[in-house]
C-alpha atoms as a PDB file:
ATOM      1  CA  MET A   1      22.235 -47.214 -26.887  1.00  0.00           C
ATOM      2  CA  THR A   2      20.707 -43.842 -26.335  1.00  0.00           C
ATOM      3  CA  PRO A   3      16.975 -43.338 -25.525  1.00  0.00           C
ATOM      4  CA  VAL A   4      16.421 -42.002 -29.091  1.00  0.00           C
ATOM      5  CA  GLU A   5      18.153 -44.992 -30.669  1.00  0.00           C
ATOM      6  CA  ASN A   6      15.993 -47.513 -28.868  1.00  0.00           C
ATOM      7  CA  GLY A   7      12.777 -45.649 -29.643  1.00  0.00           C
ATOM      8  CA  GLU A   8      12.264 -44.058 -26.205  1.00  0.00           C
ATOM      9  CA  ALA A   9      11.713 -40.306 -25.827  1.00  0.00           C
ATOM     10  CA  SER A  10      14.504 -38.681 -23.785  1.00  0.00           C
ATOM     11  CA  PRO A  11      13.289 -36.756 -20.743  1.00  0.00           C
ATOM     12  CA  ALA A  12      12.757 -33.014 -21.362  1.00  0.00           C
ATOM     13  CA  SER A  13      15.086 -30.613 -19.738  1.00  0.00           C
ATOM     14  CA  ASP A  14      13.851 -28.410 -16.966  1.00  0.00           C
ATOM     15  CA  ALA A  15      14.182 -25.398 -19.253  1.00  0.00           C
ATOM     16  CA  ALA A  16      12.123 -27.112 -21.907  1.00  0.00           C
ATOM     17  CA  LEU A  17       9.364 -28.016 -19.392  1.00  0.00           C
ATOM     18  CA  VAL A  18       9.349 -24.459 -18.011  1.00  0.00           C
ATOM     19  CA  ALA A  19       8.927 -23.096 -21.559  1.00  0.00           C
ATOM     20  CA  GLU A  20       6.024 -25.529 -22.068  1.00  0.00           C
ATOM     21  CA  VAL A  21       4.348 -24.422 -18.865  1.00  0.00           C
ATOM     22  CA  LEU A  22       4.715 -20.767 -19.896  1.00  0.00           C
ATOM     23  CA  GLU A  23       2.992 -21.675 -23.188  1.00  0.00           C
ATOM     24  CA  GLY A  24       0.025 -23.098 -21.285  1.00  0.00           C
ATOM     25  CA  ASN A  25       0.906 -26.763 -20.960  1.00  0.00           C
ATOM     26  CA  ALA A  26      -0.087 -27.637 -17.377  1.00  0.00           C
ATOM     27  CA  GLU A  27       1.018 -31.239 -17.844  1.00  0.00           C
ATOM     28  CA  ALA A  28       4.603 -30.035 -18.183  1.00  0.00           C
ATOM     29  CA  PHE A  29       4.316 -28.550 -14.676  1.00  0.00           C
ATOM     30  CA  GLY A  30       3.113 -31.911 -13.465  1.00  0.00           C
ATOM     31  CA  GLU A  31       6.297 -33.467 -14.868  1.00  0.00           C
ATOM     32  CA  LEU A  32       8.321 -30.878 -12.901  1.00  0.00           C
ATOM     33  CA  VAL A  33       6.426 -31.692  -9.765  1.00  0.00           C
ATOM     34  CA  ASN A  34       7.055 -35.447 -10.258  1.00  0.00           C
ATOM     35  CA  ARG A  35      10.720 -34.758 -10.931  1.00  0.00           C
ATOM     36  CA  TYR A  36      11.233 -32.677  -7.758  1.00  0.00           C
ATOM     37  CA  LYS A  37       8.617 -33.706  -5.191  1.00  0.00           C
ATOM     38  CA  ASN A  38      11.035 -35.957  -3.306  1.00  0.00           C
ATOM     39  CA  LEU A  39      13.714 -33.288  -3.278  1.00  0.00           C
ATOM     40  CA  VAL A  40      11.314 -30.613  -2.007  1.00  0.00           C
ATOM     41  CA  THR A  41       9.760 -32.897   0.608  1.00  0.00           C
ATOM     42  CA  SER A  42      13.184 -33.944   1.886  1.00  0.00           C
ATOM     43  CA  PHE A  43      14.403 -30.387   2.011  1.00  0.00           C
ATOM     44  CA  ILE A  44      11.304 -29.270   3.962  1.00  0.00           C
ATOM     45  CA  ALA A  45      11.353 -32.313   6.258  1.00  0.00           C
ATOM     46  CA  ALA A  46      14.866 -31.389   7.404  1.00  0.00           C
ATOM     47  CA  ARG A  47      13.517 -28.074   8.590  1.00  0.00           C
ATOM     48  CA  VAL A  48      10.016 -28.596  10.007  1.00  0.00           C
ATOM     49  CA  ALA A  49       7.892 -31.127  11.931  1.00  0.00           C
ATOM     50  CA  ALA A  50       6.462 -34.072  10.028  1.00  0.00           C
ATOM     51  CA  PRO A  51       2.830 -33.116  10.058  1.00  0.00           C
ATOM     52  CA  GLU A  52       3.497 -29.943   8.119  1.00  0.00           C
ATOM     53  CA  VAL A  53       5.767 -31.303   5.377  1.00  0.00           C
ATOM     54  CA  GLU A  54       3.151 -32.274   2.771  1.00  0.00           C
ATOM     55  CA  ASP A  55       1.248 -28.997   3.163  1.00  0.00           C
ATOM     56  CA  LEU A  56       4.427 -26.976   2.845  1.00  0.00           C
ATOM     57  CA  ALA A  57       5.548 -29.007  -0.206  1.00  0.00           C
ATOM     58  CA  GLN A  58       2.169 -28.263  -1.900  1.00  0.00           C
ATOM     59  CA  ASP A  59       2.507 -24.667  -1.028  1.00  0.00           C
ATOM     60  CA  THR A  60       5.976 -24.627  -2.537  1.00  0.00           C
ATOM     61  CA  PHE A  61       4.771 -26.025  -5.839  1.00  0.00           C
ATOM     62  CA  LEU A  62       1.735 -23.725  -5.867  1.00  0.00           C
ATOM     63  CA  ARG A  63       3.923 -20.684  -5.387  1.00  0.00           C
ATOM     64  CA  ALA A  64       6.340 -21.896  -8.037  1.00  0.00           C
ATOM     65  CA  PHE A  65       3.426 -22.307 -10.514  1.00  0.00           C
ATOM     66  CA  ARG A  66       2.117 -18.828  -9.781  1.00  0.00           C
ATOM     67  CA  THR A  67       5.528 -17.137 -10.030  1.00  0.00           C
ATOM     68  CA  LEU A  68       7.080 -19.177 -12.789  1.00  0.00           C
ATOM     69  CA  PRO A  69       6.997 -16.193 -15.225  1.00  0.00           C
ATOM     70  CA  SER A  70       9.503 -14.484 -12.965  1.00  0.00           C
ATOM     71  CA  LEU A  71      12.053 -17.250 -13.301  1.00  0.00           C
ATOM     72  CA  ARG A  72      15.014 -15.687 -15.247  1.00  0.00           C
ATOM     73  CA  GLU A  73      17.136 -18.857 -15.736  1.00  0.00           C
ATOM     74  CA  PRO A  74      14.779 -21.812 -16.572  1.00  0.00           C
ATOM     75  CA  ALA A  75      17.749 -24.176 -16.479  1.00  0.00           C
ATOM     76  CA  ALA A  76      18.156 -23.283 -12.754  1.00  0.00           C
ATOM     77  CA  PHE A  77      14.572 -24.355 -11.941  1.00  0.00           C
ATOM     78  CA  SER A  78      15.582 -26.733  -9.151  1.00  0.00           C
ATOM     79  CA  SER A  79      17.681 -24.109  -7.318  1.00  0.00           C
ATOM     80  CA  TRP A  80      14.868 -21.561  -7.743  1.00  0.00           C
ATOM     81  CA  LEU A  81      12.333 -24.100  -6.418  1.00  0.00           C
ATOM     82  CA  LEU A  82      14.404 -24.844  -3.375  1.00  0.00           C
ATOM     83  CA  GLY A  83      14.633 -21.034  -2.775  1.00  0.00           C
ATOM     84  CA  ILE A  84      10.840 -20.970  -2.628  1.00  0.00           C
ATOM     85  CA  ALA A  85      10.781 -23.990  -0.307  1.00  0.00           C
ATOM     86  CA  SER A  86      13.218 -22.276   2.027  1.00  0.00           C
ATOM     87  CA  HIS A  87      10.834 -19.194   2.221  1.00  0.00           C
ATOM     88  CA  VAL A  88       7.815 -21.418   2.763  1.00  0.00           C
ATOM     89  CA  CYS A  89       9.312 -23.054   5.804  1.00  0.00           C
END
């Protein structure tokens, strides 16, 4: 049974969430943060000392939010986000 068939909403795609953020829906960005915070944190933790990981992850998401209008391929959000993380650390 699919999520729609059993009455549950299916999760929005990254591209759909990016579009919502660009239309002013800040909650959609919160969903992207929740979706990718573990990935970003793990990516950064593999490159820097533990005390800095959380701050660098926050900086990554802040930069992503500020530069989201420059994202050319919204479906590639996760790759773009990790590119930002690599520049942050």
